[in-house]
Every structure is written in C-alpha cells, then in structure tokens.
Amino acid sequence: MKEITVTELKQLKDSKADFQLIDVREQHEFEICEIGGELIPMGEVMDNLDKISKTKQVVIHCKGGSRSGAICNALEAQGFTNVYNLKGGILAWANEIDNSLTKY
C-alpha cells in the first residue's frame, strides 16, 4: 500500500494538483471536521467504485489511517494502482497542518 504524508497532501492542495481526495469516515465524523474530501463512508466504497478515479492520484483518508488503509488494500485488490493512504489521517492533518480543526 502506498502512503502519502499530510505535508505531501498539503503540497498537492497548494499546487492545485489534479487529484481526488476521498474521506471514508462516517457522516457524523465528517460533520465534526473535514479537509475538503468527497465523503464515501467505508461501508459504501465498494458500491461506489465508479466514483473513484482510475486515472488520477486518489488520496484516501479517515480519522487515523486504519480504515483508509483497509480501503486502499481493497481497492488495490480491485485493480486500482493509483490509491494512496493518508498516513495518520485527519488527526495528523489537525496536528501538523491545521490545528484549528476539531479533534475527536
């Protein structure tokens, strides 16, 4: 599984790179804090494969990196070669990039 750090993700965002950011947390978590990703809860990802790009870089995140890591592995098993797990998840983003985010 490939990973990306929050610093690397910030560079992607700042450079306006063409990538897809997917948040696999639940709706109630998304409402607490979010970083601009498209919400596809973990349990719904496999039913929404058509929403995930096969051509551009796809960064997947959750709260701490475990759920998104599992999704990255599942997507790789489906033939995706362009998915990256956000190391440390949104908690790492809140700690290292934007400490104004609500941690939970």
N, C-alpha and C. Protein backbone atom coordinates (compact mmCIF):
# COMPACT_ATOMS: atom_id res chain seq x y z
N MET A 1 0.85 -1.19 0.00
CA MET A 1 0.00 0.00 0.00
C MET A 1 0.89 1.24 0.00
N LYS A 2 0.55 2.16 -0.88
CA LYS A 2 1.28 3.42 -0.95
C LYS A 2 0.67 4.40 0.05
N GLU A 3 1.53 5.24 0.62
CA GLU A 3 1.07 6.23 1.58
C GLU A 3 1.56 7.61 1.17
N ILE A 4 0.86 8.61 1.68
CA ILE A 4 1.23 10.00 1.47
C ILE A 4 1.14 10.68 2.83
N THR A 5 2.06 11.59 3.10
CA THR A 5 2.02 12.30 4.38
C THR A 5 1.10 13.51 4.27
N VAL A 6 0.74 14.08 5.41
CA VAL A 6 -0.11 15.27 5.38
C VAL A 6 0.63 16.45 4.74
N THR A 7 1.95 16.50 4.90
CA THR A 7 2.74 17.56 4.26
C THR A 7 2.68 17.42 2.74
N GLU A 8 2.78 16.18 2.25
CA GLU A 8 2.69 15.94 0.81
C GLU A 8 1.29 16.28 0.29
N LEU A 9 0.25 15.95 1.08
CA LEU A 9 -1.11 16.29 0.69
C LEU A 9 -1.29 17.81 0.63
N LYS A 10 -0.74 18.51 1.60
CA LYS A 10 -0.84 19.97 1.58
C LYS A 10 -0.17 20.54 0.33
N GLN A 11 0.96 19.97 -0.07
CA GLN A 11 1.64 20.42 -1.29
C GLN A 11 0.75 20.18 -2.51
N LEU A 12 0.08 19.04 -2.56
CA LEU A 12 -0.84 18.75 -3.67
C LEU A 12 -1.95 19.80 -3.71
N LYS A 13 -2.54 20.07 -2.54
CA LYS A 13 -3.64 21.04 -2.47
C LYS A 13 -3.15 22.44 -2.85
N ASP A 14 -2.01 22.84 -2.30
CA ASP A 14 -1.48 24.18 -2.55
C ASP A 14 -1.12 24.40 -4.02
N SER A 15 -0.66 23.33 -4.67
CA SER A 15 -0.27 23.45 -6.08
C SER A 15 -1.45 23.25 -7.03
N LYS A 16 -2.63 23.06 -6.43
CA LYS A 16 -3.85 22.82 -7.21
C LYS A 16 -3.69 21.65 -8.18
N ALA A 17 -3.00 20.61 -7.71
CA ALA A 17 -2.82 19.39 -8.50
C ALA A 17 -4.18 18.74 -8.77
N ASP A 18 -4.25 18.01 -9.85
CA ASP A 18 -5.48 17.32 -10.22
C ASP A 18 -5.48 15.94 -9.58
N PHE A 19 -6.07 15.85 -8.40
CA PHE A 19 -6.15 14.58 -7.67
C PHE A 19 -7.51 14.49 -7.02
N GLN A 20 -7.83 13.31 -6.51
CA GLN A 20 -9.11 13.10 -5.84
C GLN A 20 -8.84 12.77 -4.37
N LEU A 21 -9.56 13.43 -3.48
CA LEU A 21 -9.45 13.19 -2.04
C LEU A 21 -10.75 12.57 -1.57
N ILE A 22 -10.66 11.38 -1.00
CA ILE A 22 -11.85 10.66 -0.54
C ILE A 22 -11.76 10.44 0.97
N ASP A 23 -12.83 10.80 1.65
CA ASP A 23 -12.97 10.65 3.10
C ASP A 23 -13.86 9.44 3.36
N VAL A 24 -13.32 8.41 4.02
CA VAL A 24 -14.10 7.18 4.25
C VAL A 24 -14.67 7.09 5.67
N ARG A 25 -14.68 8.24 6.38
CA ARG A 25 -15.29 8.25 7.70
C ARG A 25 -16.82 8.28 7.56
N GLU A 26 -17.50 8.26 8.68
CA GLU A 26 -18.96 8.30 8.67
C GLU A 26 -19.45 9.75 8.62
N GLN A 27 -20.70 9.94 8.23
CA GLN A 27 -21.28 11.28 8.09
C GLN A 27 -21.11 12.11 9.36
N HIS A 28 -21.37 11.51 10.52
CA HIS A 28 -21.27 12.28 11.77
C HIS A 28 -19.84 12.73 12.04
N GLU A 29 -18.85 11.97 11.60
CA GLU A 29 -17.45 12.37 11.76
C GLU A 29 -17.12 13.52 10.80
N PHE A 30 -17.62 13.40 9.59
CA PHE A 30 -17.42 14.42 8.56
C PHE A 30 -17.97 15.77 9.03
N GLU A 31 -19.09 15.72 9.76
CA GLU A 31 -19.71 16.95 10.24
C GLU A 31 -18.88 17.62 11.34
N ILE A 32 -18.04 16.87 12.05
CA ILE A 32 -17.19 17.43 13.09
C ILE A 32 -16.04 18.23 12.47
N CYS A 33 -15.39 17.66 11.49
CA CYS A 33 -14.30 18.34 10.79
C CYS A 33 -14.05 17.63 9.47
N GLU A 34 -13.60 18.40 8.49
CA GLU A 34 -13.27 17.82 7.19
C GLU A 34 -12.24 18.68 6.49
N ILE A 35 -11.57 18.09 5.49
CA ILE A 35 -10.49 18.79 4.80
C ILE A 35 -10.73 18.87 3.29
N GLY A 36 -12.00 18.85 2.92
CA GLY A 36 -12.32 19.06 1.51
C GLY A 36 -12.44 17.81 0.67
N GLY A 37 -12.48 16.66 1.31
CA GLY A 37 -12.61 15.42 0.56
C GLY A 37 -14.06 15.09 0.24
N GLU A 38 -14.22 14.17 -0.68
CA GLU A 38 -15.55 13.66 -1.04
C GLU A 38 -15.88 12.53 -0.06
N LEU A 39 -17.02 12.62 0.61
CA LEU A 39 -17.40 11.62 1.60
C LEU A 39 -17.99 10.39 0.92
N ILE A 40 -17.30 9.26 1.11
CA ILE A 40 -17.82 7.94 0.73
C ILE A 40 -17.51 7.04 1.93
N PRO A 41 -18.48 6.88 2.86
CA PRO A 41 -18.21 6.07 4.05
C PRO A 41 -17.67 4.69 3.71
N MET A 42 -16.81 4.18 4.58
CA MET A 42 -16.11 2.92 4.36
C MET A 42 -17.04 1.81 3.86
N GLY A 43 -18.19 1.67 4.49
CA GLY A 43 -19.12 0.61 4.12
C GLY A 43 -19.77 0.78 2.77
N GLU A 44 -19.60 1.95 2.15
CA GLU A 44 -20.23 2.23 0.86
C GLU A 44 -19.23 2.28 -0.30
N VAL A 45 -17.94 2.18 0.00
CA VAL A 45 -16.92 2.35 -1.04
C VAL A 45 -17.08 1.32 -2.16
N MET A 46 -17.25 0.06 -1.82
CA MET A 46 -17.29 -0.97 -2.86
C MET A 46 -18.53 -0.85 -3.76
N ASP A 47 -19.56 -0.18 -3.27
CA ASP A 47 -20.75 0.06 -4.09
C ASP A 47 -20.62 1.33 -4.91
N ASN A 48 -19.52 2.05 -4.74
CA ASN A 48 -19.32 3.33 -5.42
C ASN A 48 -17.99 3.39 -6.17
N LEU A 49 -17.52 2.26 -6.66
CA LEU A 49 -16.24 2.23 -7.36
C LEU A 49 -16.23 3.15 -8.57
N ASP A 50 -17.40 3.36 -9.16
CA ASP A 50 -17.50 4.23 -10.34
C ASP A 50 -17.21 5.69 -10.01
N LYS A 51 -17.25 6.05 -8.73
CA LYS A 51 -16.97 7.44 -8.31
C LYS A 51 -15.48 7.68 -8.06
N ILE A 52 -14.68 6.61 -8.11
CA ILE A 52 -13.26 6.71 -7.80
C ILE A 52 -12.46 6.69 -9.10
N SER A 53 -11.63 7.72 -9.28
CA SER A 53 -10.84 7.85 -10.50
C SER A 53 -9.85 6.69 -10.64
N LYS A 54 -9.71 6.22 -11.86
CA LYS A 54 -8.68 5.21 -12.14
C LYS A 54 -7.47 5.84 -12.82
N THR A 55 -7.58 7.14 -13.13
CA THR A 55 -6.51 7.78 -13.89
C THR A 55 -5.69 8.79 -13.08
N LYS A 56 -6.32 9.54 -12.17
CA LYS A 56 -5.54 10.49 -11.39
C LYS A 56 -5.24 9.93 -10.01
N GLN A 57 -4.31 10.58 -9.31
CA GLN A 57 -3.95 10.16 -7.97
C GLN A 57 -5.17 10.29 -7.05
N VAL A 58 -5.41 9.25 -6.27
CA VAL A 58 -6.53 9.23 -5.32
C VAL A 58 -5.95 9.07 -3.91
N VAL A 59 -6.22 10.07 -3.06
CA VAL A 59 -5.78 10.03 -1.67
C VAL A 59 -7.00 9.70 -0.82
N ILE A 60 -6.86 8.67 0.01
CA ILE A 60 -7.98 8.22 0.84
C ILE A 60 -7.61 8.46 2.30
N HIS A 61 -8.56 9.06 3.05
CA HIS A 61 -8.27 9.32 4.46
C HIS A 61 -9.45 8.96 5.35
N CYS A 62 -9.10 8.75 6.62
CA CYS A 62 -10.10 8.53 7.67
C CYS A 62 -9.62 9.31 8.89
N LYS A 63 -9.95 8.87 10.07
CA LYS A 63 -9.54 9.60 11.27
C LYS A 63 -8.05 9.42 11.56
N GLY A 64 -7.58 8.17 11.55
CA GLY A 64 -6.19 7.91 11.93
C GLY A 64 -5.37 7.12 10.92
N GLY A 65 -6.01 6.63 9.88
CA GLY A 65 -5.28 5.91 8.84
C GLY A 65 -5.58 4.43 8.72
N SER A 66 -6.26 3.85 9.70
CA SER A 66 -6.54 2.40 9.65
C SER A 66 -7.62 2.05 8.64
N ARG A 67 -8.77 2.73 8.73
CA ARG A 67 -9.87 2.43 7.79
C ARG A 67 -9.47 2.74 6.36
N SER A 68 -8.82 3.89 6.17
CA SER A 68 -8.41 4.25 4.80
C SER A 68 -7.37 3.26 4.27
N GLY A 69 -6.51 2.75 5.15
CA GLY A 69 -5.54 1.74 4.74
C GLY A 69 -6.23 0.47 4.27
N ALA A 70 -7.26 0.06 4.99
CA ALA A 70 -8.02 -1.13 4.60
C ALA A 70 -8.71 -0.91 3.25
N ILE A 71 -9.22 0.30 3.05
CA ILE A 71 -9.88 0.62 1.77
C ILE A 71 -8.86 0.63 0.64
N CYS A 72 -7.68 1.19 0.89
CA CYS A 72 -6.63 1.18 -0.14
C CYS A 72 -6.30 -0.25 -0.55
N ASN A 73 -6.15 -1.13 0.44
CA ASN A 73 -5.87 -2.54 0.13
C ASN A 73 -7.00 -3.17 -0.67
N ALA A 74 -8.24 -2.89 -0.29
CA ALA A 74 -9.39 -3.45 -1.00
C ALA A 74 -9.45 -2.92 -2.43
N LEU A 75 -9.16 -1.63 -2.61
CA LEU A 75 -9.18 -1.05 -3.96
C LEU A 75 -8.04 -1.61 -4.82
N GLU A 76 -6.88 -1.81 -4.22
CA GLU A 76 -5.77 -2.41 -4.96
C GLU A 76 -6.14 -3.82 -5.40
N ALA A 77 -6.87 -4.55 -4.58
CA ALA A 77 -7.33 -5.89 -4.94
C ALA A 77 -8.32 -5.84 -6.11
N GLN A 78 -8.97 -4.68 -6.29
CA GLN A 78 -9.91 -4.49 -7.40
C GLN A 78 -9.21 -3.95 -8.65
N GLY A 79 -7.89 -3.80 -8.58
CA GLY A 79 -7.13 -3.36 -9.74
C GLY A 79 -6.71 -1.90 -9.74
N PHE A 80 -7.06 -1.14 -8.71
CA PHE A 80 -6.63 0.26 -8.63
C PHE A 80 -5.14 0.31 -8.32
N THR A 81 -4.40 1.11 -9.07
CA THR A 81 -2.96 1.25 -8.85
C THR A 81 -2.59 2.68 -8.46
N ASN A 82 -3.59 3.52 -8.29
CA ASN A 82 -3.38 4.96 -8.10
C ASN A 82 -3.89 5.46 -6.75
N VAL A 83 -4.06 4.57 -5.77
CA VAL A 83 -4.61 4.97 -4.48
C VAL A 83 -3.51 5.08 -3.42
N TYR A 84 -3.64 6.12 -2.59
CA TYR A 84 -2.67 6.41 -1.53
C TYR A 84 -3.40 6.62 -0.22
N ASN A 85 -2.90 5.99 0.83
CA ASN A 85 -3.45 6.17 2.17
C ASN A 85 -2.83 7.42 2.80
N LEU A 86 -3.65 8.28 3.40
CA LEU A 86 -3.13 9.44 4.12
C LEU A 86 -2.62 8.97 5.48
N LYS A 87 -1.30 8.97 5.64
CA LYS A 87 -0.67 8.49 6.86
C LYS A 87 -1.10 9.37 8.05
N GLY A 88 -1.68 8.73 9.06
CA GLY A 88 -2.11 9.45 10.26
C GLY A 88 -3.49 10.07 10.16
N GLY A 89 -4.09 10.05 8.96
CA GLY A 89 -5.45 10.54 8.77
C GLY A 89 -5.65 12.00 9.10
N ILE A 90 -6.92 12.34 9.34
CA ILE A 90 -7.27 13.74 9.60
C ILE A 90 -6.70 14.21 10.95
N LEU A 91 -6.40 13.29 11.85
CA LEU A 91 -5.77 13.70 13.11
C LEU A 91 -4.37 14.24 12.85
N ALA A 92 -3.62 13.60 11.95
CA ALA A 92 -2.29 14.11 11.61
C ALA A 92 -2.41 15.46 10.93
N TRP A 93 -3.43 15.62 10.07
CA TRP A 93 -3.65 16.91 9.41
C TRP A 93 -3.92 18.00 10.48
N ALA A 94 -4.77 17.67 11.45
CA ALA A 94 -5.10 18.63 12.50
C ALA A 94 -3.87 18.96 13.37
N ASN A 95 -3.02 17.98 13.60
CA ASN A 95 -1.84 18.20 14.44
C ASN A 95 -0.72 18.94 13.71
N GLU A 96 -0.54 18.64 12.42
CA GLU A 96 0.62 19.16 11.70
C GLU A 96 0.31 20.32 10.74
N ILE A 97 -0.92 20.40 10.23
CA ILE A 97 -1.22 21.39 9.19
C ILE A 97 -2.21 22.44 9.68
N ASP A 98 -3.33 22.02 10.24
CA ASP A 98 -4.40 22.97 10.61
C ASP A 98 -4.92 22.66 12.01
N ASN A 99 -4.31 23.28 13.03
CA ASN A 99 -4.72 22.97 14.39
C ASN A 99 -6.01 23.64 14.81
N SER A 100 -6.68 24.31 13.86
CA SER A 100 -8.00 24.86 14.17
C SER A 100 -9.09 23.81 14.01
N LEU A 101 -8.77 22.68 13.41
CA LEU A 101 -9.77 21.61 13.23
C LEU A 101 -10.12 20.99 14.57
N THR A 102 -11.37 20.63 14.73
CA THR A 102 -11.82 19.96 15.94
C THR A 102 -11.34 18.52 15.92
N LYS A 103 -10.65 18.12 16.98
CA LYS A 103 -10.20 16.72 17.11
C LYS A 103 -11.23 15.97 17.93
N TYR A 104 -11.42 14.73 17.59
CA TYR A 104 -12.40 13.91 18.31
C TYR A 104 -11.86 12.53 18.53
